[in-house]
Amino acid sequence: MTSVDRKSPMPLYFQLKRLLLEKITSHAWKPGDLVPSEQELQVGHQLSRTTVRQALIELVAEGHLVRQRGRGTFVAQPKFEHSPLRRRGISQYLIAQGLTPGLRVLDADWSPPPPAVRAALQLEAGQRAYRIRRLRLADDQPIGVLTSWLPESVARAIDTAALNQGESLHYLRNLPQMLKTRATRAIEAVAAREEEARLLQARKGSPMLMIERTVIGADGAPVEFMRAVYRGDRLKYQVPDD
Protein backbone atom coordinates (compact mmCIF):
# COMPACT_ATOMS: atom_id res chain seq x y z
CA MET A 1 0.00 0.00 0.00
CA THR A 2 1.68 3.22 -1.19
CA SER A 3 -1.21 5.68 -1.32
CA VAL A 4 -4.78 6.07 -0.13
CA ASP A 5 -7.52 4.45 -2.19
CA ARG A 6 -10.63 6.60 -2.39
CA LYS A 7 -12.65 3.66 -3.74
CA SER A 8 -11.89 1.54 -0.70
CA PRO A 9 -14.54 1.22 2.05
CA MET A 10 -11.73 1.71 4.57
CA PRO A 11 -11.77 5.24 6.08
CA LEU A 12 -9.18 7.58 4.58
CA TYR A 13 -7.65 8.48 7.95
CA PHE A 14 -7.15 4.77 8.70
CA GLN A 15 -5.49 4.19 5.33
CA LEU A 16 -3.11 7.08 6.01
CA LYS A 17 -2.44 5.74 9.49
CA ARG A 18 -1.48 2.37 7.99
CA LEU A 19 0.81 4.06 5.48
CA LEU A 20 2.62 6.01 8.20
CA LEU A 21 2.82 2.99 10.50
CA GLU A 22 4.41 0.98 7.69
CA LYS A 23 7.11 3.65 7.41
CA ILE A 24 7.84 3.17 11.11
CA THR A 25 7.72 -0.64 11.28
CA SER A 26 9.85 -1.02 8.14
CA HIS A 27 12.41 1.39 9.67
CA ALA A 28 12.13 3.74 6.71
CA TRP A 29 11.47 6.22 9.52
CA LYS A 30 13.74 5.56 12.49
CA PRO A 31 13.26 6.51 16.15
CA GLY A 32 13.89 10.23 16.54
CA ASP A 33 13.20 11.07 12.89
CA LEU A 34 11.05 14.12 12.17
CA VAL A 35 7.95 13.05 10.23
CA PRO A 36 6.25 15.22 7.58
CA SER A 37 4.07 18.02 8.91
CA GLU A 38 0.27 17.95 8.75
CA GLN A 39 0.38 20.33 5.80
CA GLU A 40 2.92 18.20 3.93
CA LEU A 41 0.79 15.11 4.46
CA GLN A 42 -2.33 16.98 3.32
CA VAL A 43 -0.67 18.06 0.08
CA GLY A 44 1.18 14.80 -0.51
CA HIS A 45 -1.90 12.62 -0.13
CA GLN A 46 -4.58 15.18 -1.12
CA LEU A 47 -6.41 14.78 2.17
CA SER A 48 -8.20 17.17 4.48
CA ARG A 49 -6.56 18.54 7.61
CA THR A 50 -9.10 16.68 9.76
CA THR A 51 -8.25 13.34 8.12
CA VAL A 52 -4.50 13.83 8.55
CA ARG A 53 -4.85 15.01 12.13
CA GLN A 54 -6.97 11.97 13.09
CA ALA A 55 -4.31 9.59 11.76
CA LEU A 56 -1.55 11.40 13.65
CA ILE A 57 -3.56 11.61 16.87
CA GLU A 58 -4.06 7.84 16.89
CA LEU A 59 -0.39 7.13 16.17
CA VAL A 60 0.62 9.43 19.03
CA ALA A 61 -1.92 7.82 21.38
CA GLU A 62 -0.58 4.35 20.50
CA GLY A 63 2.99 5.43 21.22
CA HIS A 64 4.35 5.28 17.68
CA LEU A 65 4.82 9.05 17.36
CA VAL A 66 5.54 11.82 19.83
CA ARG A 67 4.77 15.52 19.48
CA GLN A 68 7.22 18.17 20.66
CA ARG A 69 5.75 21.64 20.94
CA GLY A 70 7.42 24.07 18.60
CA ARG A 71 9.49 21.35 16.92
CA GLY A 72 7.11 18.93 15.23
CA THR A 73 6.19 15.26 15.36
CA PHE A 74 8.85 12.57 15.70
CA VAL A 75 9.04 8.79 15.57
CA ALA A 76 8.92 7.63 19.19
CA GLN A 77 11.72 5.69 20.81
CA PRO A 78 10.62 2.06 21.23
CA LYS A 79 9.54 0.91 24.67
CA PHE A 80 11.41 -2.02 26.11
CA GLU A 81 9.44 -4.62 28.01
CA HIS A 82 10.45 -6.12 31.32
CA SER A 83 8.87 -8.92 33.32
CA PRO A 84 10.44 -9.70 36.72
CA LEU A 85 8.73 -13.09 36.87
CA ARG A 86 10.69 -14.41 33.89
CA ARG A 87 14.00 -14.19 35.76
CA ARG A 88 15.63 -11.95 33.16
CA GLY A 89 17.24 -8.66 34.05
CA ILE A 90 16.54 -5.42 32.25
CA SER A 91 19.95 -5.56 30.55
CA GLN A 92 18.98 -8.87 28.92
CA TYR A 93 15.71 -7.37 27.70
CA LEU A 94 17.53 -4.40 26.21
CA ILE A 95 19.99 -6.64 24.38
CA ALA A 96 17.14 -8.80 23.06
CA GLN A 97 15.55 -5.67 21.60
CA GLY A 98 18.73 -4.55 19.88
CA LEU A 99 19.77 -1.96 22.46
CA THR A 100 23.09 -1.67 24.30
CA PRO A 101 22.55 -1.57 28.08
CA GLY A 102 24.65 0.43 30.49
CA LEU A 103 24.91 1.91 33.96
CA ARG A 104 26.60 5.13 35.04
CA VAL A 105 27.36 5.94 38.68
CA LEU A 106 26.21 9.42 39.68
CA ASP A 107 27.31 9.37 43.32
CA ALA A 108 27.80 7.01 46.27
CA ASP A 109 28.15 7.97 49.94
CA TRP A 110 26.92 7.40 53.48
CA SER A 111 23.67 9.16 54.28
CA PRO A 112 20.85 9.15 56.87
CA PRO A 113 18.10 7.05 55.24
CA PRO A 114 14.54 8.38 54.90
CA PRO A 115 11.95 6.70 57.17
CA ALA A 116 10.61 4.42 54.41
CA VAL A 117 14.12 3.20 53.57
CA ARG A 118 14.96 2.68 57.24
CA ALA A 119 11.85 0.54 57.65
CA ALA A 120 12.59 -1.51 54.51
CA LEU A 121 16.16 -2.21 55.65
CA GLN A 122 15.06 -2.81 59.26
CA LEU A 123 17.44 -0.17 60.59
CA GLU A 124 17.17 1.47 63.96
CA ALA A 125 16.87 5.22 64.41
CA GLY A 126 20.26 6.86 63.98
CA GLN A 127 21.74 4.07 61.87
CA ARG A 128 23.22 5.22 58.59
CA ALA A 129 23.00 3.56 55.18
CA TYR A 130 25.05 3.67 52.00
CA ARG A 131 23.29 5.38 49.10
CA ILE A 132 24.22 4.74 45.47
CA ARG A 133 22.66 6.64 42.56
CA ARG A 134 23.07 5.39 39.00
CA LEU A 135 21.68 6.08 35.55
CA ARG A 136 20.28 3.20 33.55
CA LEU A 137 21.25 3.65 29.89
CA ALA A 138 20.01 2.25 26.59
CA ASP A 139 22.30 3.01 23.65
CA ASP A 140 23.95 5.63 25.90
CA GLN A 141 20.60 7.40 26.41
CA PRO A 142 19.30 7.76 30.00
CA ILE A 143 16.08 5.85 30.60
CA GLY A 144 16.07 5.45 34.38
CA VAL A 145 17.47 6.72 37.68
CA LEU A 146 18.32 3.99 40.21
CA THR A 147 18.80 4.90 43.88
CA SER A 148 19.95 2.01 46.08
CA TRP A 149 20.29 1.97 49.87
CA LEU A 150 22.38 -0.63 51.68
CA PRO A 151 22.82 -1.46 55.38
CA GLU A 152 26.32 -0.86 56.68
CA SER A 153 27.23 -4.56 56.95
CA VAL A 154 26.41 -5.08 53.26
CA ALA A 155 27.90 -1.83 51.98
CA ARG A 156 31.37 -2.65 53.28
CA ALA A 157 31.50 -5.82 51.18
CA ILE A 158 30.23 -4.63 47.81
CA ASP A 159 32.21 -4.76 44.57
CA THR A 160 32.40 -1.06 43.72
CA ALA A 161 34.13 -1.81 40.40
CA ALA A 162 30.96 -3.64 39.26
CA LEU A 163 28.53 -0.78 39.93
CA ASN A 164 28.43 0.13 36.25
CA GLN A 165 28.32 -3.42 34.92
CA GLY A 166 25.58 -5.91 34.13
CA GLU A 167 22.31 -5.95 36.03
CA SER A 168 21.46 -3.64 38.92
CA LEU A 169 22.49 -6.25 41.53
CA HIS A 170 25.74 -7.28 39.82
CA TYR A 171 27.80 -5.38 42.39
CA LEU A 172 26.41 -7.64 45.15
CA ARG A 173 26.96 -10.94 43.36
CA ASN A 174 29.86 -12.09 45.58
CA LEU A 175 28.00 -11.71 48.88
CA PRO A 176 27.04 -15.02 50.56
CA GLN A 177 23.53 -13.63 51.18
CA MET A 178 22.98 -13.47 47.42
CA LEU A 179 23.14 -17.24 46.93
CA LYS A 180 19.41 -17.33 47.55
CA THR A 181 17.30 -14.20 47.53
CA ARG A 182 13.73 -13.05 47.24
CA ALA A 183 12.43 -9.62 46.41
CA THR A 184 9.28 -7.59 46.90
CA ARG A 185 8.29 -4.90 44.41
CA ALA A 186 5.87 -2.01 44.32
CA ILE A 187 5.07 -0.33 41.00
CA GLU A 188 3.54 3.14 40.72
CA ALA A 189 2.99 5.81 38.09
CA VAL A 190 4.53 9.11 39.19
CA ALA A 191 5.33 12.55 37.77
CA ALA A 192 8.98 13.42 37.16
CA ARG A 193 10.52 15.59 39.82
CA GLU A 194 12.89 18.35 38.79
CA GLU A 195 16.15 16.43 39.24
CA GLU A 196 14.77 13.24 37.70
CA ALA A 197 13.54 15.19 34.70
CA ARG A 198 16.98 16.80 34.27
CA LEU A 199 18.81 13.47 34.49
CA LEU A 200 16.41 11.71 32.15
CA GLN A 201 16.24 14.58 29.65
CA ALA A 202 12.49 14.91 30.14
CA ARG A 203 10.08 17.63 31.19
CA LYS A 204 9.32 18.15 34.86
CA GLY A 205 6.00 16.46 35.61
CA SER A 206 6.19 14.06 32.65
CA PRO A 207 4.95 10.51 33.32
CA MET A 208 7.38 8.11 34.95
CA LEU A 209 7.19 4.53 36.17
CA MET A 210 8.53 4.05 39.70
CA ILE A 211 9.59 0.62 40.93
CA GLU A 212 10.54 0.11 44.58
CA ARG A 213 12.32 -3.16 45.34
CA THR A 214 13.50 -4.71 48.58
CA VAL A 215 15.93 -7.63 48.27
CA ILE A 216 16.03 -10.15 51.12
CA GLY A 217 19.12 -12.31 51.45
CA ALA A 218 19.53 -15.99 52.26
CA ASP A 219 19.76 -15.17 55.97
CA GLY A 220 16.39 -13.42 55.93
CA ALA A 221 17.86 -9.94 56.37
CA PRO A 222 17.38 -7.06 53.88
CA VAL A 223 20.30 -6.60 51.51
CA GLU A 224 19.18 -3.64 49.40
CA PHE A 225 16.30 -1.23 48.96
CA MET A 226 16.11 0.38 45.51
CA ARG A 227 13.89 3.09 44.09
CA ALA A 228 14.03 3.15 40.29
CA VAL A 229 12.32 5.82 38.21
CA TYR A 230 12.01 5.10 34.48
CA ARG A 231 10.76 7.24 31.62
CA GLY A 232 7.15 6.27 31.03
CA ASP A 233 7.67 6.46 27.27
CA ARG A 234 10.51 3.92 27.34
CA LEU A 235 9.45 1.12 29.71
CA LYS A 236 6.56 -1.31 29.67
CA TYR A 237 6.38 -3.49 32.78
CA GLN A 238 4.75 -6.87 32.23
CA VAL A 239 3.27 -8.99 35.01
CA PRO A 240 2.28 -12.43 33.62
CA ASP A 241 -0.72 -14.30 34.98
CA ASP A 242 0.00 -17.05 37.49
C-alpha atoms as a PDB file:
ATOM      1  CA  MET A   1       0.000   0.000   0.000  1.00  0.00           C
ATOM      2  CA  THR A   2       1.683   3.220  -1.193  1.00  0.00           C
ATOM      3  CA  SER A   3      -1.207   5.680  -1.318  1.00  0.00           C
ATOM      4  CA  VAL A   4      -4.779   6.067  -0.131  1.00  0.00           C
ATOM      5  CA  ASP A   5      -7.518   4.447  -2.191  1.00  0.00           C
ATOM      6  CA  ARG A   6     -10.631   6.600  -2.387  1.00  0.00           C
ATOM      7  CA  LYS A   7     -12.648   3.663  -3.742  1.00  0.00           C
ATOM      8  CA  SER A   8     -11.890   1.537  -0.704  1.00  0.00           C
ATOM      9  CA  PRO A   9     -14.538   1.225   2.051  1.00  0.00           C
ATOM     10  CA  MET A  10     -11.726   1.708   4.567  1.00  0.00           C
ATOM     11  CA  PRO A  11     -11.767   5.244   6.080  1.00  0.00           C
ATOM     12  CA  LEU A  12      -9.178   7.575   4.576  1.00  0.00           C
ATOM     13  CA  TYR A  13      -7.654   8.482   7.949  1.00  0.00           C
ATOM     14  CA  PHE A  14      -7.150   4.767   8.696  1.00  0.00           C
ATOM     15  CA  GLN A  15      -5.489   4.194   5.334  1.00  0.00           C
ATOM     16  CA  LEU A  16      -3.110   7.080   6.012  1.00  0.00           C
ATOM     17  CA  LYS A  17      -2.435   5.739   9.491  1.00  0.00           C
ATOM     18  CA  ARG A  18      -1.481   2.371   7.995  1.00  0.00           C
ATOM     19  CA  LEU A  19       0.809   4.062   5.480  1.00  0.00           C
ATOM     20  CA  LEU A  20       2.623   6.007   8.197  1.00  0.00           C
ATOM     21  CA  LEU A  21       2.822   2.994  10.502  1.00  0.00           C
ATOM     22  CA  GLU A  22       4.405   0.977   7.691  1.00  0.00           C
ATOM     23  CA  LYS A  23       7.114   3.647   7.411  1.00  0.00           C
ATOM     24  CA  ILE A  24       7.843   3.168  11.112  1.00  0.00           C
ATOM     25  CA  THR A  25       7.716  -0.636  11.282  1.00  0.00           C
ATOM     26  CA  SER A  26       9.849  -1.017   8.141  1.00  0.00           C
ATOM     27  CA  HIS A  27      12.411   1.388   9.671  1.00  0.00           C
ATOM     28  CA  ALA A  28      12.131   3.738   6.706  1.00  0.00           C
ATOM     29  CA  TRP A  29      11.467   6.218   9.517  1.00  0.00           C
ATOM     30  CA  LYS A  30      13.741   5.560  12.487  1.00  0.00           C
ATOM     31  CA  PRO A  31      13.260   6.510  16.150  1.00  0.00           C
ATOM     32  CA  GLY A  32      13.893  10.227  16.543  1.00  0.00           C
ATOM     33  CA  ASP A  33      13.197  11.069  12.886  1.00  0.00           C
ATOM     34  CA  LEU A  34      11.050  14.115  12.168  1.00  0.00           C
ATOM     35  CA  VAL A  35       7.950  13.054  10.228  1.00  0.00           C
ATOM     36  CA  PRO A  36       6.253  15.222   7.577  1.00  0.00           C
ATOM     37  CA  SER A  37       4.068  18.022   8.905  1.00  0.00           C
ATOM     38  CA  GLU A  38       0.273  17.948   8.751  1.00  0.00           C
ATOM     39  CA  GLN A  39       0.377  20.333   5.801  1.00  0.00           C
ATOM     40  CA  GLU A  40       2.923  18.202   3.935  1.00  0.00           C
ATOM     41  CA  LEU A  41       0.786  15.109   4.460  1.00  0.00           C
ATOM     42  CA  GLN A  42      -2.329  16.980   3.316  1.00  0.00           C
ATOM     43  CA  VAL A  43      -0.674  18.057   0.079  1.00  0.00           C
ATOM     44  CA  GLY A  44       1.177  14.798  -0.507  1.00  0.00           C
ATOM     45  CA  HIS A  45      -1.903  12.624  -0.133  1.00  0.00           C
ATOM     46  CA  GLN A  46      -4.581  15.184  -1.118  1.00  0.00           C
ATOM     47  CA  LEU A  47      -6.414  14.782   2.169  1.00  0.00           C
ATOM     48  CA  SER A  48      -8.198  17.167   4.479  1.00  0.00           C
ATOM     49  CA  ARG A  49      -6.558  18.540   7.605  1.00  0.00           C
ATOM     50  CA  THR A  50      -9.104  16.678   9.763  1.00  0.00           C
ATOM     51  CA  THR A  51      -8.247  13.343   8.121  1.00  0.00           C
ATOM     52  CA  VAL A  52      -4.500  13.834   8.547  1.00  0.00           C
ATOM     53  CA  ARG A  53      -4.854  15.007  12.129  1.00  0.00           C
ATOM     54  CA  GLN A  54      -6.969  11.973  13.092  1.00  0.00           C
ATOM     55  CA  ALA A  55      -4.313   9.594  11.758  1.00  0.00           C
ATOM     56  CA  LEU A  56      -1.546  11.401  13.653  1.00  0.00           C
ATOM     57  CA  ILE A  57      -3.559  11.609  16.873  1.00  0.00           C
ATOM     58  CA  GLU A  58      -4.061   7.838  16.894  1.00  0.00           C
ATOM     59  CA  LEU A  59      -0.391   7.130  16.172  1.00  0.00           C
ATOM     60  CA  VAL A  60       0.622   9.427  19.027  1.00  0.00           C
ATOM     61  CA  ALA A  61      -1.924   7.816  21.382  1.00  0.00           C
ATOM     62  CA  GLU A  62      -0.584   4.354  20.504  1.00  0.00           C
ATOM     63  CA  GLY A  63       2.994   5.430  21.225  1.00  0.00           C
ATOM     64  CA  HIS A  64       4.348   5.279  17.677  1.00  0.00           C
ATOM     65  CA  LEU A  65       4.823   9.052  17.357  1.00  0.00           C
ATOM     66  CA  VAL A  66       5.541  11.816  19.835  1.00  0.00           C
ATOM     67  CA  ARG A  67       4.773  15.524  19.477  1.00  0.00           C
ATOM     68  CA  GLN A  68       7.224  18.169  20.659  1.00  0.00           C
ATOM     69  CA  ARG A  69       5.750  21.638  20.944  1.00  0.00           C
ATOM     70  CA  GLY A  70       7.422  24.073  18.605  1.00  0.00           C
ATOM     71  CA  ARG A  71       9.486  21.355  16.923  1.00  0.00           C
ATOM     72  CA  GLY A  72       7.111  18.932  15.231  1.00  0.00           C
ATOM     73  CA  THR A  73       6.193  15.260  15.361  1.00  0.00           C
ATOM     74  CA  PHE A  74       8.852  12.574  15.701  1.00  0.00           C
ATOM     75  CA  VAL A  75       9.041   8.790  15.570  1.00  0.00           C
ATOM     76  CA  ALA A  76       8.921   7.633  19.187  1.00  0.00           C
ATOM     77  CA  GLN A  77      11.720   5.690  20.814  1.00  0.00           C
ATOM     78  CA  PRO A  78      10.616   2.055  21.228  1.00  0.00           C
ATOM     79  CA  LYS A  79       9.539   0.907  24.668  1.00  0.00           C
ATOM     80  CA  PHE A  80      11.410  -2.016  26.106  1.00  0.00           C
ATOM     81  CA  GLU A  81       9.442  -4.622  28.009  1.00  0.00           C
ATOM     82  CA  HIS A  82      10.452  -6.119  31.318  1.00  0.00           C
ATOM     83  CA  SER A  83       8.866  -8.916  33.324  1.00  0.00           C
ATOM     84  CA  PRO A  84      10.441  -9.701  36.723  1.00  0.00           C
ATOM     85  CA  LEU A  85       8.730 -13.086  36.872  1.00  0.00           C
ATOM     86  CA  ARG A  86      10.694 -14.407  33.895  1.00  0.00           C
ATOM     87  CA  ARG A  87      14.003 -14.188  35.756  1.00  0.00           C
ATOM     88  CA  ARG A  88      15.630 -11.954  33.163  1.00  0.00           C
ATOM     89  CA  GLY A  89      17.244  -8.662  34.047  1.00  0.00           C
ATOM     90  CA  ILE A  90      16.543  -5.416  32.246  1.00  0.00           C
ATOM     91  CA  SER A  91      19.947  -5.564  30.553  1.00  0.00           C
ATOM     92  CA  GLN A  92      18.977  -8.868  28.920  1.00  0.00           C
ATOM     93  CA  TYR A  93      15.711  -7.371  27.704  1.00  0.00           C
ATOM     94  CA  LEU A  94      17.530  -4.396  26.209  1.00  0.00           C
ATOM     95  CA  ILE A  95      19.994  -6.643  24.382  1.00  0.00           C
ATOM     96  CA  ALA A  96      17.139  -8.797  23.058  1.00  0.00           C
ATOM     97  CA  GLN A  97      15.553  -5.666  21.603  1.00  0.00           C
ATOM     98  CA  GLY A  98      18.731  -4.551  19.881  1.00  0.00           C
ATOM     99  CA  LEU A  99      19.774  -1.959  22.465  1.00  0.00           C
ATOM    100  CA  THR A 100      23.091  -1.667  24.301  1.00  0.00           C
ATOM    101  CA  PRO A 101      22.548  -1.572  28.084  1.00  0.00           C
ATOM    102  CA  GLY A 102      24.653   0.426  30.490  1.00  0.00           C
ATOM    103  CA  LEU A 103      24.908   1.909  33.961  1.00  0.00           C
ATOM    104  CA  ARG A 104      26.601   5.127  35.037  1.00  0.00           C
ATOM    105  CA  VAL A 105      27.358   5.942  38.680  1.00  0.00           C
ATOM    106  CA  LEU A 106      26.209   9.421  39.685  1.00  0.00           C
ATOM    107  CA  ASP A 107      27.308   9.371  43.317  1.00  0.00           C
ATOM    108  CA  ALA A 108      27.800   7.010  46.268  1.00  0.00           C
ATOM    109  CA  ASP A 109      28.149   7.970  49.936  1.00  0.00           C
ATOM    110  CA  TRP A 110      26.917   7.399  53.481  1.00  0.00           C
ATOM    111  CA  SER A 111      23.669   9.161  54.283  1.00  0.00           C
ATOM    112  CA  PRO A 112      20.851   9.147  56.873  1.00  0.00           C
ATOM    113  CA  PRO A 113      18.104   7.052  55.236  1.00  0.00           C
ATOM    114  CA  PRO A 114      14.541   8.378  54.898  1.00  0.00           C
ATOM    115  CA  PRO A 115      11.954   6.695  57.171  1.00  0.00           C
ATOM    116  CA  ALA A 116      10.609   4.425  54.410  1.00  0.00           C
ATOM    117  CA  VAL A 117      14.116   3.201  53.573  1.00  0.00           C
ATOM    118  CA  ARG A 118      14.962   2.684  57.238  1.00  0.00           C
ATOM    119  CA  ALA A 119      11.847   0.541  57.649  1.00  0.00           C
ATOM    120  CA  ALA A 120      12.587  -1.512  54.507  1.00  0.00           C
ATOM    121  CA  LEU A 121      16.159  -2.206  55.652  1.00  0.00           C
ATOM    122  CA  GLN A 122      15.062  -2.813  59.257  1.00  0.00           C
ATOM    123  CA  LEU A 123      17.439  -0.172  60.586  1.00  0.00           C
ATOM    124  CA  GLU A 124      17.174   1.467  63.964  1.00  0.00           C
ATOM    125  CA  ALA A 125      16.869   5.222  64.413  1.00  0.00           C
ATOM    126  CA  GLY A 126      20.260   6.858  63.977  1.00  0.00           C
ATOM    127  CA  GLN A 127      21.736   4.070  61.865  1.00  0.00           C
ATOM    128  CA  ARG A 128      23.216   5.221  58.590  1.00  0.00           C
ATOM    129  CA  ALA A 129      23.001   3.564  55.184  1.00  0.00           C
ATOM    130  CA  TYR A 130      25.048   3.667  52.004  1.00  0.00           C
ATOM    131  CA  ARG A 131      23.289   5.383  49.101  1.00  0.00           C
ATOM    132  CA  ILE A 132      24.218   4.743  45.467  1.00  0.00           C
ATOM    133  CA  ARG A 133      22.656   6.645  42.561  1.00  0.00           C
ATOM    134  CA  ARG A 134      23.068   5.387  39.002  1.00  0.00           C
ATOM    135  CA  LEU A 135      21.681   6.083  35.552  1.00  0.00           C
ATOM    136  CA  ARG A 136      20.279   3.199  33.550  1.00  0.00           C
ATOM    137  CA  LEU A 137      21.250   3.651  29.889  1.00  0.00           C
ATOM    138  CA  ALA A 138      20.009   2.250  26.588  1.00  0.00           C
ATOM    139  CA  ASP A 139      22.300   3.014  23.649  1.00  0.00           C
ATOM    140  CA  ASP A 140      23.950   5.632  25.900  1.00  0.00           C
ATOM    141  CA  GLN A 141      20.597   7.398  26.407  1.00  0.00           C
ATOM    142  CA  PRO A 142      19.303   7.757  29.996  1.00  0.00           C
ATOM    143  CA  ILE A 143      16.083   5.854  30.598  1.00  0.00           C
ATOM    144  CA  GLY A 144      16.070   5.446  34.375  1.00  0.00           C
ATOM    145  CA  VAL A 145      17.467   6.715  37.678  1.00  0.00           C
ATOM    146  CA  LEU A 146      18.321   3.991  40.206  1.00  0.00           C
ATOM    147  CA  THR A 147      18.799   4.900  43.885  1.00  0.00           C
ATOM    148  CA  SER A 148      19.945   2.012  46.081  1.00  0.00           C
ATOM    149  CA  TRP A 149      20.292   1.974  49.870  1.00  0.00           C
ATOM    150  CA  LEU A 150      22.384  -0.626  51.684  1.00  0.00           C
ATOM    151  CA  PRO A 151      22.816  -1.462  55.384  1.00  0.00           C
ATOM    152  CA  GLU A 152      26.316  -0.861  56.678  1.00  0.00           C
ATOM    153  CA  SER A 153      27.225  -4.562  56.950  1.00  0.00           C
ATOM    154  CA  VAL A 154      26.415  -5.084  53.256  1.00  0.00           C
ATOM    155  CA  ALA A 155      27.905  -1.833  51.979  1.00  0.00           C
ATOM    156  CA  ARG A 156      31.372  -2.650  53.283  1.00  0.00           C
ATOM    157  CA  ALA A 157      31.501  -5.821  51.178  1.00  0.00           C
ATOM    158  CA  ILE A 158      30.234  -4.632  47.810  1.00  0.00           C
ATOM    159  CA  ASP A 159      32.213  -4.763  44.570  1.00  0.00           C
ATOM    160  CA  THR A 160      32.404  -1.061  43.723  1.00  0.00           C
ATOM    161  CA  ALA A 161      34.126  -1.815  40.396  1.00  0.00           C
ATOM    162  CA  ALA A 162      30.958  -3.636  39.261  1.00  0.00           C
ATOM    163  CA  LEU A 163      28.527  -0.785  39.928  1.00  0.00           C
ATOM    164  CA  ASN A 164      28.427   0.133  36.247  1.00  0.00           C
ATOM    165  CA  GLN A 165      28.322  -3.425  34.918  1.00  0.00           C
ATOM    166  CA  GLY A 166      25.584  -5.912  34.134  1.00  0.00           C
ATOM    167  CA  GLU A 167      22.310  -5.953  36.032  1.00  0.00           C
ATOM    168  CA  SER A 168      21.457  -3.639  38.919  1.00  0.00           C
ATOM    169  CA  LEU A 169      22.488  -6.253  41.529  1.00  0.00           C
ATOM    170  CA  HIS A 170      25.743  -7.279  39.822  1.00  0.00           C
ATOM    171  CA  TYR A 171      27.800  -5.380  42.386  1.00  0.00           C
ATOM    172  CA  LEU A 172      26.411  -7.644  45.153  1.00  0.00           C
ATOM    173  CA  ARG A 173      26.965 -10.942  43.364  1.00  0.00           C
ATOM    174  CA  ASN A 174      29.858 -12.088  45.584  1.00  0.00           C
ATOM    175  CA  LEU A 175      28.000 -11.710  48.878  1.00  0.00           C
ATOM    176  CA  PRO A 176      27.036 -15.023  50.562  1.00  0.00           C
ATOM    177  CA  GLN A 177      23.533 -13.629  51.177  1.00  0.00           C
ATOM    178  CA  MET A 178      22.982 -13.465  47.418  1.00  0.00           C
ATOM    179  CA  LEU A 179      23.142 -17.239  46.925  1.00  0.00           C
ATOM    180  CA  LYS A 180      19.409 -17.331  47.549  1.00  0.00           C
ATOM    181  CA  THR A 181      17.301 -14.201  47.534  1.00  0.00           C
ATOM    182  CA  ARG A 182      13.731 -13.051  47.240  1.00  0.00           C
ATOM    183  CA  ALA A 183      12.429  -9.619  46.407  1.00  0.00           C
ATOM    184  CA  THR A 184       9.277  -7.591  46.901  1.00  0.00           C
ATOM    185  CA  ARG A 185       8.294  -4.897  44.405  1.00  0.00           C
ATOM    186  CA  ALA A 186       5.867  -2.013  44.317  1.00  0.00           C
ATOM    187  CA  ILE A 187       5.070  -0.334  40.996  1.00  0.00           C
ATOM    188  CA  GLU A 188       3.541   3.136  40.719  1.00  0.00           C
ATOM    189  CA  ALA A 189       2.987   5.810  38.090  1.00  0.00           C
ATOM    190  CA  VAL A 190       4.532   9.112  39.186  1.00  0.00           C
ATOM    191  CA  ALA A 191       5.335  12.545  37.774  1.00  0.00           C
ATOM    192  CA  ALA A 192       8.982  13.424  37.160  1.00  0.00           C
ATOM    193  CA  ARG A 193      10.519  15.587  39.822  1.00  0.00           C
ATOM    194  CA  GLU A 194      12.894  18.353  38.792  1.00  0.00           C
ATOM    195  CA  GLU A 195      16.148  16.432  39.244  1.00  0.00           C
ATOM    196  CA  GLU A 196      14.766  13.238  37.703  1.00  0.00           C
ATOM    197  CA  ALA A 197      13.542  15.195  34.703  1.00  0.00           C
ATOM    198  CA  ARG A 198      16.975  16.795  34.272  1.00  0.00           C
ATOM    199  CA  LEU A 199      18.813  13.474  34.494  1.00  0.00           C
ATOM    200  CA  LEU A 200      16.405  11.714  32.151  1.00  0.00           C
ATOM    201  CA  GLN A 201      16.238  14.580  29.649  1.00  0.00           C
ATOM    202  CA  ALA A 202      12.490  14.914  30.137  1.00  0.00           C
ATOM    203  CA  ARG A 203      10.084  17.631  31.194  1.00  0.00           C
ATOM    204  CA  LYS A 204       9.322  18.146  34.864  1.00  0.00           C
ATOM    205  CA  GLY A 205       6.004  16.465  35.612  1.00  0.00           C
ATOM    206  CA  SER A 206       6.192  14.062  32.650  1.00  0.00           C
ATOM    207  CA  PRO A 207       4.945  10.509  33.320  1.00  0.00           C
ATOM    208  CA  MET A 208       7.378   8.108  34.955  1.00  0.00           C
ATOM    209  CA  LEU A 209       7.193   4.529  36.171  1.00  0.00           C
ATOM    210  CA  MET A 210       8.531   4.054  39.698  1.00  0.00           C
ATOM    211  CA  ILE A 211       9.593   0.620  40.931  1.00  0.00           C
ATOM    212  CA  GLU A 212      10.543   0.106  44.577  1.00  0.00           C
ATOM    213  CA  ARG A 213      12.324  -3.161  45.337  1.00  0.00           C
ATOM    214  CA  THR A 214      13.505  -4.711  48.581  1.00  0.00           C
ATOM    215  CA  VAL A 215      15.935  -7.632  48.267  1.00  0.00           C
ATOM    216  CA  ILE A 216      16.027 -10.149  51.121  1.00  0.00           C
ATOM    217  CA  GLY A 217      19.123 -12.313  51.446  1.00  0.00           C
ATOM    218  CA  ALA A 218      19.532 -15.991  52.256  1.00  0.00           C
ATOM    219  CA  ASP A 219      19.762 -15.173  55.973  1.00  0.00           C
ATOM    220  CA  GLY A 220      16.391 -13.421  55.926  1.00  0.00           C
ATOM    221  CA  ALA A 221      17.861  -9.937  56.370  1.00  0.00           C
ATOM    222  CA  PRO A 222      17.378  -7.061  53.879  1.00  0.00           C
ATOM    223  CA  VAL A 223      20.301  -6.602  51.515  1.00  0.00           C
ATOM    224  CA  GLU A 224      19.184  -3.642  49.404  1.00  0.00           C
ATOM    225  CA  PHE A 225      16.302  -1.232  48.960  1.00  0.00           C
ATOM    226  CA  MET A 226      16.108   0.376  45.510  1.00  0.00           C
ATOM    227  CA  ARG A 227      13.887   3.085  44.086  1.00  0.00           C
ATOM    228  CA  ALA A 228      14.030   3.147  40.291  1.00  0.00           C
ATOM    229  CA  VAL A 229      12.320   5.822  38.205  1.00  0.00           C
ATOM    230  CA  TYR A 230      12.005   5.096  34.484  1.00  0.00           C
ATOM    231  CA  ARG A 231      10.761   7.237  31.620  1.00  0.00           C
ATOM    232  CA  GLY A 232       7.151   6.271  31.026  1.00  0.00           C
ATOM    233  CA  ASP A 233       7.672   6.458  27.275  1.00  0.00           C
ATOM    234  CA  ARG A 234      10.515   3.916  27.336  1.00  0.00           C
ATOM    235  CA  LEU A 235       9.454   1.124  29.712  1.00  0.00           C
ATOM    236  CA  LYS A 236       6.563  -1.311  29.671  1.00  0.00           C
ATOM    237  CA  TYR A 237       6.381  -3.492  32.778  1.00  0.00           C
ATOM    238  CA  GLN A 238       4.746  -6.871  32.233  1.00  0.00           C
ATOM    239  CA  VAL A 239       3.267  -8.988  35.013  1.00  0.00           C
ATOM    240  CA  PRO A 240       2.284 -12.431  33.623  1.00  0.00           C
ATOM    241  CA  ASP A 241      -0.723 -14.303  34.983  1.00  0.00           C
ATOM    242  CA  ASP A 242       0.003 -17.047  37.485  1.00  0.00           C
END
